[in-house]
């Protein structure tokens, strides 16, 4: 699957709309997931077919890309991280991030430290 994405860099989130995403509506693979070289520093988001836009799947997967971390339990109004996502058609529900997530997302992850929080997106390749 990743072989077809050769040429990706650590500074770009590679987004793939795919025919299947194991385990749910979307999947983000990044440094935290210990991908094999040469993909280990890169970040990939996969969005499955026929995903309801009200689930905010792409926004949730971008959260994984920004903080390089897994999901965790949170209240319904927290979009990411969240073990469960819900249909969101209201402007005052499921649109928030925790303060900790915001800090982690703004952190520059050191090169080579694949399990550190933060990201290297939008840095010079």
PDB file of N, CA and C in Angstrom:
ATOM      1  N   UNK A   1       0.821  -1.188   0.000  1.00  0.00           N
ATOM      2  CA  UNK A   1       0.000   0.000   0.000  1.00  0.00           C
ATOM      3  C   UNK A   1       0.871   1.260   0.000  1.00  0.00           C
ATOM      4  N   UNK A   2       1.873   1.331   0.872  1.00  0.00           N
ATOM      5  CA  UNK A   2       2.693   2.533   0.951  1.00  0.00           C
ATOM      6  C   UNK A   2       3.652   2.659  -0.224  1.00  0.00           C
ATOM      7  N   UNK A   3       4.010   1.545  -0.858  1.00  0.00           N
ATOM      8  CA  UNK A   3       4.948   1.591  -1.974  1.00  0.00           C
ATOM      9  C   UNK A   3       4.443   2.516  -3.082  1.00  0.00           C
ATOM     10  N   UNK A   4       3.137   2.570  -3.272  1.00  0.00           N
ATOM     11  CA  UNK A   4       2.582   3.440  -4.310  1.00  0.00           C
ATOM     12  C   UNK A   4       2.668   4.916  -3.932  1.00  0.00           C
ATOM     13  N   UNK A   5       3.064   5.219  -2.706  1.00  0.00           N
ATOM     14  CA  UNK A   5       3.190   6.597  -2.244  1.00  0.00           C
ATOM     15  C   UNK A   5       4.646   7.044  -2.160  1.00  0.00           C
ATOM     16  N   UNK A   6       5.521   6.338  -2.866  1.00  0.00           N
ATOM     17  CA  UNK A   6       6.941   6.698  -2.870  1.00  0.00           C
ATOM     18  C   UNK A   6       7.085   8.140  -3.328  1.00  0.00           C
ATOM     19  N   UNK A   7       8.009   8.843  -2.741  1.00  0.00           N
ATOM     20  CA  UNK A   7       8.224  10.240  -3.075  1.00  0.00           C
ATOM     21  C   UNK A   7       7.628  11.186  -2.050  1.00  0.00           C
ATOM     22  N   UNK A   8       6.875  10.665  -1.109  1.00  0.00           N
ATOM     23  CA  UNK A   8       6.328  11.500  -0.038  1.00  0.00           C
ATOM     24  C   UNK A   8       7.473  11.981   0.847  1.00  0.00           C
ATOM     25  N   UNK A   9       7.246  13.092   1.528  1.00  0.00           N
ATOM     26  CA  UNK A   9       8.269  13.622   2.432  1.00  0.00           C
ATOM     27  C   UNK A   9       7.677  13.810   3.823  1.00  0.00           C
ATOM     28  N   UNK A  10       8.539  14.022   4.793  1.00  0.00           N
ATOM     29  CA  UNK A  10       8.101  14.228   6.180  1.00  0.00           C
ATOM     30  C   UNK A  10       7.301  15.518   6.337  1.00  0.00           C
ATOM     31  N   UNK A  11       7.434  16.432   5.403  1.00  0.00           N
ATOM     32  CA  UNK A  11       6.803  17.739   5.556  1.00  0.00           C
ATOM     33  C   UNK A  11       5.410  17.822   4.934  1.00  0.00           C
ATOM     34  N   UNK A  12       4.903  16.705   4.434  1.00  0.00           N
ATOM     35  CA  UNK A  12       3.618  16.705   3.743  1.00  0.00           C
ATOM     36  C   UNK A  12       2.730  15.596   4.276  1.00  0.00           C
ATOM     37  N   UNK A  13       1.487  15.907   4.515  1.00  0.00           N
ATOM     38  CA  UNK A  13       0.504  14.883   4.846  1.00  0.00           C
ATOM     39  C   UNK A  13      -0.019  14.325   3.534  1.00  0.00           C
ATOM     40  N   UNK A  14       0.212  13.046   3.296  1.00  0.00           N
ATOM     41  CA  UNK A  14      -0.282  12.393   2.087  1.00  0.00           C
ATOM     42  C   UNK A  14      -1.693  11.895   2.368  1.00  0.00           C
ATOM     43  N   UNK A  15      -2.664  12.375   1.601  1.00  0.00           N
ATOM     44  CA  UNK A  15      -4.061  12.019   1.792  1.00  0.00           C
ATOM     45  C   UNK A  15      -4.498  11.098   0.665  1.00  0.00           C
ATOM     46  N   UNK A  16      -5.081   9.948   1.056  1.00  0.00           N
ATOM     47  CA  UNK A  16      -5.515   8.951   0.076  1.00  0.00           C
ATOM     48  C   UNK A  16      -6.974   8.619   0.335  1.00  0.00           C
ATOM     49  N   UNK A  17      -7.792   8.777  -0.678  1.00  0.00           N
ATOM     50  CA  UNK A  17      -9.174   8.311  -0.609  1.00  0.00           C
ATOM     51  C   UNK A  17      -9.154   6.900  -1.147  1.00  0.00           C
ATOM     52  N   UNK A  18      -9.414   5.925  -0.284  1.00  0.00           N
ATOM     53  CA  UNK A  18      -9.194   4.525  -0.636  1.00  0.00           C
ATOM     54  C   UNK A  18     -10.490   3.729  -0.674  1.00  0.00           C
ATOM     55  N   UNK A  19     -10.387   2.537  -1.226  1.00  0.00           N
ATOM     56  CA  UNK A  19     -11.542   1.661  -1.317  1.00  0.00           C
ATOM     57  C   UNK A  19     -11.838   0.954  -0.015  1.00  0.00           C
ATOM     58  N   UNK A  20     -10.882   0.926   0.904  1.00  0.00           N
ATOM     59  CA  UNK A  20     -11.088   0.222   2.167  1.00  0.00           C
ATOM     60  C   UNK A  20     -10.147   0.802   3.213  1.00  0.00           C
ATOM     61  N   UNK A  21     -10.651   1.015   4.414  1.00  0.00           N
ATOM     62  CA  UNK A  21      -9.813   1.422   5.539  1.00  0.00           C
ATOM     63  C   UNK A  21     -10.079   0.467   6.690  1.00  0.00           C
ATOM     64  N   UNK A  22      -9.094  -0.316   7.066  1.00  0.00           N
ATOM     65  CA  UNK A  22      -9.317  -1.277   8.151  1.00  0.00           C
ATOM     66  C   UNK A  22      -9.638  -0.585   9.465  1.00  0.00           C
ATOM     67  N   UNK A  23     -10.657  -1.057  10.127  1.00  0.00           N
ATOM     68  CA  UNK A  23     -10.960  -0.580  11.464  1.00  0.00           C
ATOM     69  C   UNK A  23     -11.865   0.628  11.557  1.00  0.00           C
ATOM     70  N   UNK A  24     -12.309   1.190  10.446  1.00  0.00           N
ATOM     71  CA  UNK A  24     -13.190   2.334  10.581  1.00  0.00           C
ATOM     72  C   UNK A  24     -13.321   3.129   9.305  1.00  0.00           C
ATOM     73  N   UNK A  25     -13.689   4.400   9.477  1.00  0.00           N
ATOM     74  CA  UNK A  25     -13.918   5.279   8.338  1.00  0.00           C
ATOM     75  C   UNK A  25     -12.626   5.875   7.806  1.00  0.00           C
ATOM     76  N   UNK A  26     -11.643   6.025   8.678  1.00  0.00           N
ATOM     77  CA  UNK A  26     -10.373   6.610   8.282  1.00  0.00           C
ATOM     78  C   UNK A  26      -9.239   6.011   9.080  1.00  0.00           C
ATOM     79  N   UNK A  27      -8.039   6.254   8.606  1.00  0.00           N
ATOM     80  CA  UNK A  27      -6.849   5.715   9.251  1.00  0.00           C
ATOM     81  C   UNK A  27      -5.699   6.672   8.989  1.00  0.00           C
ATOM     82  N   UNK A  28      -4.943   6.989  10.014  1.00  0.00           N
ATOM     83  CA  UNK A  28      -3.747   7.802   9.853  1.00  0.00           C
ATOM     84  C   UNK A  28      -2.555   6.955  10.273  1.00  0.00           C
ATOM     85  N   UNK A  29      -1.572   6.878   9.402  1.00  0.00           N
ATOM     86  CA  UNK A  29      -0.324   6.182   9.711  1.00  0.00           C
ATOM     87  C   UNK A  29       0.789   7.208   9.688  1.00  0.00           C
ATOM     88  N   UNK A  30       1.558   7.229  10.754  1.00  0.00           N
ATOM     89  CA  UNK A  30       2.639   8.201  10.845  1.00  0.00           C
ATOM     90  C   UNK A  30       3.789   7.663  11.659  1.00  0.00           C
ATOM     91  N   UNK A  31       4.716   8.525  12.045  1.00  0.00           N
ATOM     92  CA  UNK A  31       5.889   8.096  12.799  1.00  0.00           C
ATOM     93  C   UNK A  31       5.548   7.272  14.036  1.00  0.00           C
ATOM     94  N   UNK A  32       4.496   7.627  14.735  1.00  0.00           N
ATOM     95  CA  UNK A  32       4.061   6.912  15.939  1.00  0.00           C
ATOM     96  C   UNK A  32       3.815   5.420  15.665  1.00  0.00           C
ATOM     97  N   UNK A  33       3.460   5.099  14.428  1.00  0.00           N
ATOM     98  CA  UNK A  33       3.110   3.724  14.064  1.00  0.00           C
ATOM     99  C   UNK A  33       4.310   2.875  13.662  1.00  0.00           C
ATOM    100  N   UNK A  34       5.519   3.432  13.750  1.00  0.00           N
ATOM    101  CA  UNK A  34       6.746   2.695  13.430  1.00  0.00           C
ATOM    102  C   UNK A  34       6.686   2.040  12.054  1.00  0.00           C
ATOM    103  N   UNK A  35       6.422   2.850  11.042  1.00  0.00           N
ATOM    104  CA  UNK A  35       6.404   2.357   9.669  1.00  0.00           C
ATOM    105  C   UNK A  35       7.823   1.993   9.239  1.00  0.00           C
ATOM    106  N   UNK A  36       7.949   1.076   8.297  1.00  0.00           N
ATOM    107  CA  UNK A  36       9.297   0.704   7.831  1.00  0.00           C
ATOM    108  C   UNK A  36       9.941   1.838   7.039  1.00  0.00           C
ATOM    109  N   UNK A  37      11.272   1.871   7.038  1.00  0.00           N
ATOM    110  CA  UNK A  37      11.996   2.834   6.201  1.00  0.00           C
ATOM    111  C   UNK A  37      11.686   2.490   4.745  1.00  0.00           C
ATOM    112  N   UNK A  38      11.575   3.432   3.870  1.00  0.00           N
ATOM    113  CA  UNK A  38      11.813   4.862   3.987  1.00  0.00           C
ATOM    114  C   UNK A  38      10.579   5.670   4.378  1.00  0.00           C
ATOM    115  N   UNK A  39       9.541   5.026   4.873  1.00  0.00           N
ATOM    116  CA  UNK A  39       8.275   5.702   5.176  1.00  0.00           C
ATOM    117  C   UNK A  39       8.166   6.183   6.621  1.00  0.00           C
ATOM    118  N   UNK A  40       9.128   5.858   7.469  1.00  0.00           N
ATOM    119  CA  UNK A  40       8.987   6.034   8.913  1.00  0.00           C
ATOM    120  C   UNK A  40       8.779   7.474   9.365  1.00  0.00           C
ATOM    121  N   UNK A  41       9.316   8.456   8.663  1.00  0.00           N
ATOM    122  CA  UNK A  41       9.152   9.861   9.059  1.00  0.00           C
ATOM    123  C   UNK A  41       7.896  10.488   8.458  1.00  0.00           C
ATOM    124  N   UNK A  42       7.239   9.813   7.536  1.00  0.00           N
ATOM    125  CA  UNK A  42       6.127  10.396   6.790  1.00  0.00           C
ATOM    126  C   UNK A  42       4.792  10.151   7.480  1.00  0.00           C
ATOM    127  N   UNK A  43       3.775  10.898   7.033  1.00  0.00           N
ATOM    128  CA  UNK A  43       2.434  10.780   7.589  1.00  0.00           C
ATOM    129  C   UNK A  43       1.433  10.601   6.449  1.00  0.00           C
ATOM    130  N   UNK A  44       0.575   9.592   6.602  1.00  0.00           N
ATOM    131  CA  UNK A  44      -0.410   9.242   5.575  1.00  0.00           C
ATOM    132  C   UNK A  44      -1.790   9.158   6.219  1.00  0.00           C
ATOM    133  N   UNK A  45      -2.781   9.745   5.573  1.00  0.00           N
ATOM    134  CA  UNK A  45      -4.167   9.628   6.032  1.00  0.00           C
ATOM    135  C   UNK A  45      -4.967   8.947   4.928  1.00  0.00           C
ATOM    136  N   UNK A  46      -5.745   7.946   5.323  1.00  0.00           N
ATOM    137  CA  UNK A  46      -6.584   7.194   4.393  1.00  0.00           C
ATOM    138  C   UNK A  46      -8.037   7.406   4.795  1.00  0.00           C
ATOM    139  N   UNK A  47      -8.860   7.773   3.833  1.00  0.00           N
ATOM    140  CA  UNK A  47     -10.281   7.981   4.064  1.00  0.00           C
ATOM    141  C   UNK A  47     -11.029   6.955   3.222  1.00  0.00           C
ATOM    142  N   UNK A  48     -11.912   6.213   3.867  1.00  0.00           N
ATOM    143  CA  UNK A  48     -12.639   5.142   3.206  1.00  0.00           C
ATOM    144  C   UNK A  48     -13.751   5.644   2.306  1.00  0.00           C
ATOM    145  N   UNK A  49     -14.364   4.723   1.574  1.00  0.00           N
ATOM    146  CA  UNK A  49     -15.427   5.095   0.646  1.00  0.00           C
ATOM    147  C   UNK A  49     -16.727   5.433   1.385  1.00  0.00           C
ATOM    148  N   UNK A  50     -17.492   6.290   0.782  1.00  0.00           N
ATOM    149  CA  UNK A  50     -18.832   6.620   1.272  1.00  0.00           C
ATOM    150  C   UNK A  50     -18.856   7.057   2.738  1.00  0.00           C
ATOM    151  N   UNK A  51     -17.868   7.796   3.155  1.00  0.00           N
ATOM    152  CA  UNK A  51     -17.834   8.305   4.529  1.00  0.00           C
ATOM    153  C   UNK A  51     -18.759   9.515   4.629  1.00  0.00           C
ATOM    154  N   UNK A  52     -19.623   9.490   5.599  1.00  0.00           N
ATOM    155  CA  UNK A  52     -20.549  10.592   5.833  1.00  0.00           C
ATOM    156  C   UNK A  52     -19.760  11.824   6.288  1.00  0.00           C
ATOM    157  N   UNK A  53     -19.917  12.934   5.588  1.00  0.00           N
ATOM    158  CA  UNK A  53     -19.188  14.161   5.937  1.00  0.00           C
ATOM    159  C   UNK A  53     -19.502  14.622   7.358  1.00  0.00           C
ATOM    160  N   UNK A  54     -20.659  14.275   7.893  1.00  0.00           N
ATOM    161  CA  UNK A  54     -21.019  14.674   9.256  1.00  0.00           C
ATOM    162  C   UNK A  54     -20.171  13.996  10.314  1.00  0.00           C
ATOM    163  N   UNK A  55     -19.413  12.978   9.956  1.00  0.00           N
ATOM    164  CA  UNK A  55     -18.558  12.304  10.932  1.00  0.00           C
ATOM    165  C   UNK A  55     -17.225  13.023  11.141  1.00  0.00           C
ATOM    166  N   UNK A  56     -16.913  13.979  10.297  1.00  0.00           N
ATOM    167  CA  UNK A  56     -15.676  14.762  10.433  1.00  0.00           C
ATOM    168  C   UNK A  56     -14.430  13.879  10.425  1.00  0.00           C
ATOM    169  N   UNK A  57     -14.438  12.856   9.606  1.00  0.00           N
ATOM    170  CA  UNK A  57     -13.349  11.874   9.572  1.00  0.00           C
ATOM    171  C   UNK A  57     -12.028  12.505   9.166  1.00  0.00           C
ATOM    172  N   UNK A  58     -12.016  13.308   8.125  1.00  0.00           N
ATOM    173  CA  UNK A  58     -10.765  13.916   7.684  1.00  0.00           C
ATOM    174  C   UNK A  58     -10.181  14.817   8.769  1.00  0.00           C
ATOM    175  N   UNK A  59     -11.000  15.626   9.410  1.00  0.00           N
ATOM    176  CA  UNK A  59     -10.508  16.494  10.488  1.00  0.00           C
ATOM    177  C   UNK A  59      -9.909  15.671  11.624  1.00  0.00           C
ATOM    178  N   UNK A  60     -10.549  14.558  11.946  1.00  0.00           N
ATOM    179  CA  UNK A  60     -10.052  13.692  13.007  1.00  0.00           C
ATOM    180  C   UNK A  60      -8.690  13.101  12.630  1.00  0.00           C
ATOM    181  N   UNK A  61      -8.540  12.632  11.392  1.00  0.00           N
ATOM    182  CA  UNK A  61      -7.267  12.046  10.958  1.00  0.00           C
ATOM    183  C   UNK A  61      -6.170  13.104  10.889  1.00  0.00           C
ATOM    184  N   UNK A  62      -6.508  14.329  10.544  1.00  0.00           N
ATOM    185  CA  UNK A  62      -5.523  15.407  10.570  1.00  0.00           C
ATOM    186  C   UNK A  62      -5.036  15.634  12.000  1.00  0.00           C
ATOM    187  N   UNK A  63      -5.915  15.447  12.984  1.00  0.00           N
ATOM    188  CA  UNK A  63      -5.492  15.521  14.388  1.00  0.00           C
ATOM    189  C   UNK A  63      -4.379  14.527  14.688  1.00  0.00           C
ATOM    190  N   UNK A  64      -4.528  13.289  14.207  1.00  0.00           N
ATOM    191  CA  UNK A  64      -3.459  12.299  14.383  1.00  0.00           C
ATOM    192  C   UNK A  64      -2.162  12.776  13.733  1.00  0.00           C
ATOM    193  N   UNK A  65      -2.267  13.343  12.540  1.00  0.00           N
ATOM    194  CA  UNK A  65      -1.081  13.809  11.828  1.00  0.00           C
ATOM    195  C   UNK A  65      -0.378  14.934  12.588  1.00  0.00           C
ATOM    196  N   UNK A  66      -1.145  15.809  13.219  1.00  0.00           N
ATOM    197  CA  UNK A  66      -0.553  16.957  13.901  1.00  0.00           C
ATOM    198  C   UNK A  66       0.088  16.620  15.233  1.00  0.00           C
ATOM    199  N   UNK A  67      -0.493  15.692  15.984  1.00  0.00           N
ATOM    200  CA  UNK A  67       0.111  15.430  17.303  1.00  0.00           C
ATOM    201  C   UNK A  67       0.844  14.099  17.382  1.00  0.00           C
ATOM    202  N   UNK A  68       0.809  13.297  16.306  1.00  0.00           N
ATOM    203  CA  UNK A  68       1.552  12.036  16.255  1.00  0.00           C
ATOM    204  C   UNK A  68       1.171  11.129  17.415  1.00  0.00           C
ATOM    205  N   UNK A  69      -0.132  10.991  17.659  1.00  0.00           N
ATOM    206  CA  UNK A  69      -0.558  10.188  18.790  1.00  0.00           C
ATOM    207  C   UNK A  69      -1.821   9.393  18.521  1.00  0.00           C
ATOM    208  N   UNK A  70      -2.164   8.546  19.475  1.00  0.00           N
ATOM    209  CA  UNK A  70      -3.340   7.689  19.349  1.00  0.00           C
ATOM    210  C   UNK A  70      -4.606   8.378  19.868  1.00  0.00           C
ATOM    211  N   UNK A  71      -5.723   7.701  19.709  1.00  0.00           N
ATOM    212  CA  UNK A  71      -6.982   8.175  20.282  1.00  0.00           C
ATOM    213  C   UNK A  71      -7.025   7.879  21.775  1.00  0.00           C
ATOM    214  N   UNK A  72      -7.922   8.563  22.461  1.00  0.00           N
ATOM    215  CA  UNK A  72      -8.148   8.325  23.878  1.00  0.00           C
ATOM    216  C   UNK A  72      -9.582   8.734  24.209  1.00  0.00           C
ATOM    217  N   UNK A  73     -10.104   8.255  25.320  1.00  0.00           N
ATOM    218  CA  UNK A  73     -11.475   8.636  25.686  1.00  0.00           C
ATOM    219  C   UNK A  73     -11.567  10.126  25.991  1.00  0.00           C
ATOM    220  N   UNK A  74     -12.627  10.751  25.519  1.00  0.00           N
ATOM    221  CA  UNK A  74     -12.880  12.160  25.781  1.00  0.00           C
ATOM    222  C   UNK A  74     -14.372  12.409  25.716  1.00  0.00           C
ATOM    223  N   UNK A  75     -14.836  13.543  26.238  1.00  0.00           N
ATOM    224  CA  UNK A  75     -16.270  13.871  26.142  1.00  0.00           C
ATOM    225  C   UNK A  75     -16.713  14.003  24.685  1.00  0.00           C
ATOM    226  N   UNK A  76     -17.985  13.884  24.459  1.00  0.00           N
ATOM    227  CA  UNK A  76     -18.571  13.917  23.125  1.00  0.00           C
ATOM    228  C   UNK A  76     -18.180  15.160  22.328  1.00  0.00           C
ATOM    229  N   UNK A  77     -18.026  16.308  22.980  1.00  0.00           N
ATOM    230  CA  UNK A  77     -17.737  17.539  22.258  1.00  0.00           C
ATOM    231  C   UNK A  77     -16.293  17.644  21.789  1.00  0.00           C
ATOM    232  N   UNK A  78     -15.429  16.701  22.167  1.00  0.00           N
ATOM    233  CA  UNK A  78     -14.035  16.711  21.735  1.00  0.00           C
ATOM    234  C   UNK A  78     -13.917  15.911  20.437  1.00  0.00           C
ATOM    235  N   UNK A  79     -13.479  16.565  19.368  1.00  0.00           N
ATOM    236  CA  UNK A  79     -13.325  15.930  18.070  1.00  0.00           C
ATOM    237  C   UNK A  79     -12.121  14.998  18.035  1.00  0.00           C
ATOM    238  N   UNK A  80     -11.022  15.439  18.621  1.00  0.00           N
ATOM    239  CA  UNK A  80      -9.791  14.652  18.615  1.00  0.00           C
ATOM    240  C   UNK A  80      -8.981  15.001  19.846  1.00  0.00           C
ATOM    241  N   UNK A  81      -8.355  14.019  20.514  1.00  0.00           N
ATOM    242  CA  UNK A  81      -8.469  12.583  20.288  1.00  0.00           C
ATOM    243  C   UNK A  81      -9.800  12.057  20.822  1.00  0.00           C
ATOM    244  N   UNK A  82     -10.308  11.032  20.197  1.00  0.00           N
ATOM    245  CA  UNK A  82     -11.575  10.442  20.624  1.00  0.00           C
ATOM    246  C   UNK A  82     -11.624   8.980  20.210  1.00  0.00           C
ATOM    247  N   UNK A  83     -12.022   8.137  21.124  1.00  0.00           N
ATOM    248  CA  UNK A  83     -12.183   6.722  20.792  1.00  0.00           C
ATOM    249  C   UNK A  83     -13.393   6.507  19.892  1.00  0.00           C
ATOM    250  N   UNK A  84     -14.422   7.300  20.083  1.00  0.00           N
ATOM    251  CA  UNK A  84     -15.630   7.207  19.278  1.00  0.00           C
ATOM    252  C   UNK A  84     -15.904   8.554  18.632  1.00  0.00           C
ATOM    253  N   UNK A  85     -16.331   8.520  17.377  1.00  0.00           N
ATOM    254  CA  UNK A  85     -16.756   9.751  16.720  1.00  0.00           C
ATOM    255  C   UNK A  85     -18.248   9.647  16.452  1.00  0.00           C
ATOM    256  N   UNK A  86     -18.871  10.785  16.362  1.00  0.00           N
ATOM    257  CA  UNK A  86     -20.320  10.835  16.227  1.00  0.00           C
ATOM    258  C   UNK A  86     -20.690  11.737  15.069  1.00  0.00           C
ATOM    259  N   UNK A  87     -21.874  11.532  14.547  1.00  0.00           N
ATOM    260  CA  UNK A  87     -22.379  12.418  13.513  1.00  0.00           C
ATOM    261  C   UNK A  87     -22.484  13.815  14.095  1.00  0.00           C
ATOM    262  N   UNK A  88     -22.043  14.789  13.338  1.00  0.00           N
ATOM    263  CA  UNK A  88     -21.965  16.154  13.837  1.00  0.00           C
ATOM    264  C   UNK A  88     -22.636  17.085  12.841  1.00  0.00           C
ATOM    265  N   UNK A  89     -23.861  17.446  13.102  1.00  0.00           N
ATOM    266  CA  UNK A  89     -24.561  18.393  12.243  1.00  0.00           C
ATOM    267  C   UNK A  89     -24.839  19.694  12.972  1.00  0.00           C
ATOM    268  N   UNK A  90     -24.326  19.821  14.180  1.00  0.00           N
ATOM    269  CA  UNK A  90     -24.552  21.009  14.986  1.00  0.00           C
ATOM    270  C   UNK A  90     -23.235  21.771  15.149  1.00  0.00           C
ATOM    271  N   UNK A  91     -23.281  23.080  15.127  1.00  0.00           N
ATOM    272  CA  UNK A  91     -22.063  23.872  15.238  1.00  0.00           C
ATOM    273  C   UNK A  91     -21.502  23.919  16.652  1.00  0.00           C
ATOM    274  N   UNK A  92     -22.250  23.459  17.637  1.00  0.00           N
ATOM    275  CA  UNK A  92     -21.756  23.530  19.016  1.00  0.00           C
ATOM    276  C   UNK A  92     -21.480  22.150  19.601  1.00  0.00           C
ATOM    277  N   UNK A  93     -21.174  21.187  18.767  1.00  0.00           N
ATOM    278  CA  UNK A  93     -20.927  19.834  19.248  1.00  0.00           C
ATOM    279  C   UNK A  93     -19.756  19.224  18.485  1.00  0.00           C
ATOM    280  N   UNK A  94     -18.918  18.492  19.151  1.00  0.00           N
ATOM    281  CA  UNK A  94     -17.846  17.712  18.547  1.00  0.00           C
ATOM    282  C   UNK A  94     -16.942  18.542  17.643  1.00  0.00           C
ATOM    283  N   UNK A  95     -16.574  19.720  18.087  1.00  0.00           N
ATOM    284  CA  UNK A  95     -15.713  20.585  17.278  1.00  0.00           C
ATOM    285  C   UNK A  95     -14.478  21.049  18.046  1.00  0.00           C
ATOM    286  N   UNK A  96     -14.243  20.487  19.211  1.00  0.00           N
ATOM    287  CA  UNK A  96     -13.216  21.059  20.066  1.00  0.00           C
ATOM    288  C   UNK A  96     -12.009  20.141  20.216  1.00  0.00           C
ATOM    289  N   UNK A  97     -10.892  20.752  20.586  1.00  0.00           N
ATOM    290  CA  UNK A  97      -9.669  20.045  20.915  1.00  0.00           C
ATOM    291  C   UNK A  97      -9.321  20.374  22.353  1.00  0.00           C
ATOM    292  N   UNK A  98      -8.620  19.473  23.015  1.00  0.00           N
ATOM    293  CA  UNK A  98      -8.175  19.768  24.377  1.00  0.00           C
ATOM    294  C   UNK A  98      -6.984  20.730  24.302  1.00  0.00           C
ATOM    295  N   UNK A  99      -6.748  21.507  25.352  1.00  0.00           N
ATOM    296  CA  UNK A  99      -5.561  22.379  25.365  1.00  0.00           C
ATOM    297  C   UNK A  99      -4.261  21.589  25.166  1.00  0.00           C
ATOM    298  N   UNK A 100      -4.199  20.386  25.726  1.00  0.00           N
ATOM    299  CA  UNK A 100      -3.003  19.556  25.567  1.00  0.00           C
ATOM    300  C   UNK A 100      -2.786  19.176  24.103  1.00  0.00           C
ATOM    301  N   UNK A 101      -3.868  18.871  23.397  1.00  0.00           N
ATOM    302  CA  UNK A 101      -3.760  18.522  21.979  1.00  0.00           C
ATOM    303  C   UNK A 101      -3.251  19.707  21.172  1.00  0.00           C
ATOM    304  N   UNK A 102      -3.711  20.894  21.504  1.00  0.00           N
ATOM    305  CA  UNK A 102      -3.266  22.093  20.794  1.00  0.00           C
ATOM    306  C   UNK A 102      -1.761  22.287  20.984  1.00  0.00           C
ATOM    307  N   UNK A 103      -1.273  22.136  22.203  1.00  0.00           N
ATOM    308  CA  UNK A 103       0.164  22.275  22.469  1.00  0.00           C
ATOM    309  C   UNK A 103       0.950  21.215  21.706  1.00  0.00           C
ATOM    310  N   UNK A 104       0.513  19.960  21.766  1.00  0.00           N
ATOM    311  CA  UNK A 104       1.214  18.875  21.059  1.00  0.00           C
ATOM    312  C   UNK A 104       1.227  19.126  19.548  1.00  0.00           C
ATOM    313  N   UNK A 105       0.138  19.646  19.020  1.00  0.00           N
ATOM    314  CA  UNK A 105       0.036  19.885  17.584  1.00  0.00           C
ATOM    315  C   UNK A 105       0.930  21.025  17.117  1.00  0.00           C
ATOM    316  N   UNK A 106       1.267  21.921  18.002  1.00  0.00           N
ATOM    317  CA  UNK A 106       2.141  23.048  17.661  1.00  0.00           C
ATOM    318  C   UNK A 106       3.609  22.763  17.964  1.00  0.00           C
ATOM    319  N   UNK A 107       3.908  21.542  18.394  1.00  0.00           N
ATOM    320  CA  UNK A 107       5.262  21.158  18.760  1.00  0.00           C
ATOM    321  C   UNK A 107       5.989  20.567  17.559  1.00  0.00           C
ATOM    322  N   UNK A 108       7.216  20.986  17.330  1.00  0.00           N
ATOM    323  CA  UNK A 108       8.043  20.409  16.278  1.00  0.00           C
ATOM    324  C   UNK A 108       8.650  19.116  16.801  1.00  0.00           C
ATOM    325  N   UNK A 109       8.299  18.007  16.167  1.00  0.00           N
ATOM    326  CA  UNK A 109       8.833  16.703  16.570  1.00  0.00           C
ATOM    327  C   UNK A 109      10.265  16.590  16.062  1.00  0.00           C
ATOM    328  N   UNK A 110      11.229  16.225  16.936  1.00  0.00           N
ATOM    329  CA  UNK A 110      12.616  16.102  16.493  1.00  0.00           C
ATOM    330  C   UNK A 110      12.766  14.998  15.437  1.00  0.00           C
ATOM    331  N   UNK A 111      13.572  15.258  14.431  1.00  0.00           N
ATOM    332  CA  UNK A 111      13.836  14.262  13.386  1.00  0.00           C
ATOM    333  C   UNK A 111      14.399  12.999  14.018  1.00  0.00           C
ATOM    334  N   UNK A 112      13.902  11.864  13.584  1.00  0.00           N
ATOM    335  CA  UNK A 112      14.397  10.583  14.076  1.00  0.00           C
ATOM    336  C   UNK A 112      13.717  10.098  15.336  1.00  0.00           C
ATOM    337  N   UNK A 113      13.051  10.967  16.072  1.00  0.00           N
ATOM    338  CA  UNK A 113      12.343  10.562  17.291  1.00  0.00           C
ATOM    339  C   UNK A 113      10.893  10.272  16.911  1.00  0.00           C
ATOM    340  N   UNK A 114      10.636   9.038  16.502  1.00  0.00           N
ATOM    341  CA  UNK A 114       9.362   8.676  15.899  1.00  0.00           C
ATOM    342  C   UNK A 114       8.208   8.635  16.887  1.00  0.00           C
ATOM    343  N   UNK A 115       8.487   8.494  18.164  1.00  0.00           N
ATOM    344  CA  UNK A 115       7.399   8.398  19.140  1.00  0.00           C
ATOM    345  C   UNK A 115       7.159   9.696  19.909  1.00  0.00           C
ATOM    346  N   UNK A 116       7.917  10.739  19.605  1.00  0.00           N
ATOM    347  CA  UNK A 116       7.719  12.029  20.274  1.00  0.00           C
ATOM    348  C   UNK A 116       6.422  12.669  19.784  1.00  0.00           C
ATOM    349  N   UNK A 117       5.802  13.473  20.629  1.00  0.00           N
ATOM    350  CA  UNK A 117       4.603  14.186  20.194  1.00  0.00           C
ATOM    351  C   UNK A 117       5.005  15.334  19.278  1.00  0.00           C
ATOM    352  N   UNK A 118       4.045  15.792  18.508  1.00  0.00           N
ATOM    353  CA  UNK A 118       4.290  16.874  17.577  1.00  0.00           C
ATOM    354  C   UNK A 118       4.440  16.351  16.162  1.00  0.00           C
ATOM    355  N   UNK A 119       4.817  17.236  15.273  1.00  0.00           N
ATOM    356  CA  UNK A 119       4.923  16.851  13.876  1.00  0.00           C
ATOM    357  C   UNK A 119       6.044  17.613  13.201  1.00  0.00           C
ATOM    358  N   UNK A 120       6.349  17.205  11.973  1.00  0.00           N
ATOM    359  CA  UNK A 120       7.331  17.890  11.153  1.00  0.00           C
ATOM    360  C   UNK A 120       6.686  18.385   9.859  1.00  0.00           C
ATOM    361  N   UNK A 121       5.361  18.461   9.863  1.00  0.00           N
ATOM    362  CA  UNK A 121       4.660  18.941   8.688  1.00  0.00           C
ATOM    363  C   UNK A 121       4.960  20.415   8.461  1.00  0.00           C
ATOM    364  N   UNK A 122       4.977  20.804   7.225  1.00  0.00           N
ATOM    365  CA  UNK A 122       5.229  22.183   6.806  1.00  0.00           C
ATOM    366  C   UNK A 122       6.610  22.692   7.172  1.00  0.00           C
ATOM    367  N   UNK A 123       7.551  21.773   7.414  1.00  0.00           N
ATOM    368  CA  UNK A 123       8.945  22.169   7.590  1.00  0.00           C
ATOM    369  C   UNK A 123       9.652  21.969   6.260  1.00  0.00           C
ATOM    370  N   UNK A 124      10.841  22.480   6.117  1.00  0.00           N
ATOM    371  CA  UNK A 124      11.584  22.328   4.877  1.00  0.00           C
ATOM    372  C   UNK A 124      11.984  20.873   4.694  1.00  0.00           C
ATOM    373  N   UNK A 125      11.635  20.291   3.524  1.00  0.00           N
ATOM    374  CA  UNK A 125      12.000  18.878   3.297  1.00  0.00           C
ATOM    375  C   UNK A 125      13.485  18.639   3.343  1.00  0.00           C
TER     376      UNK A 125
END
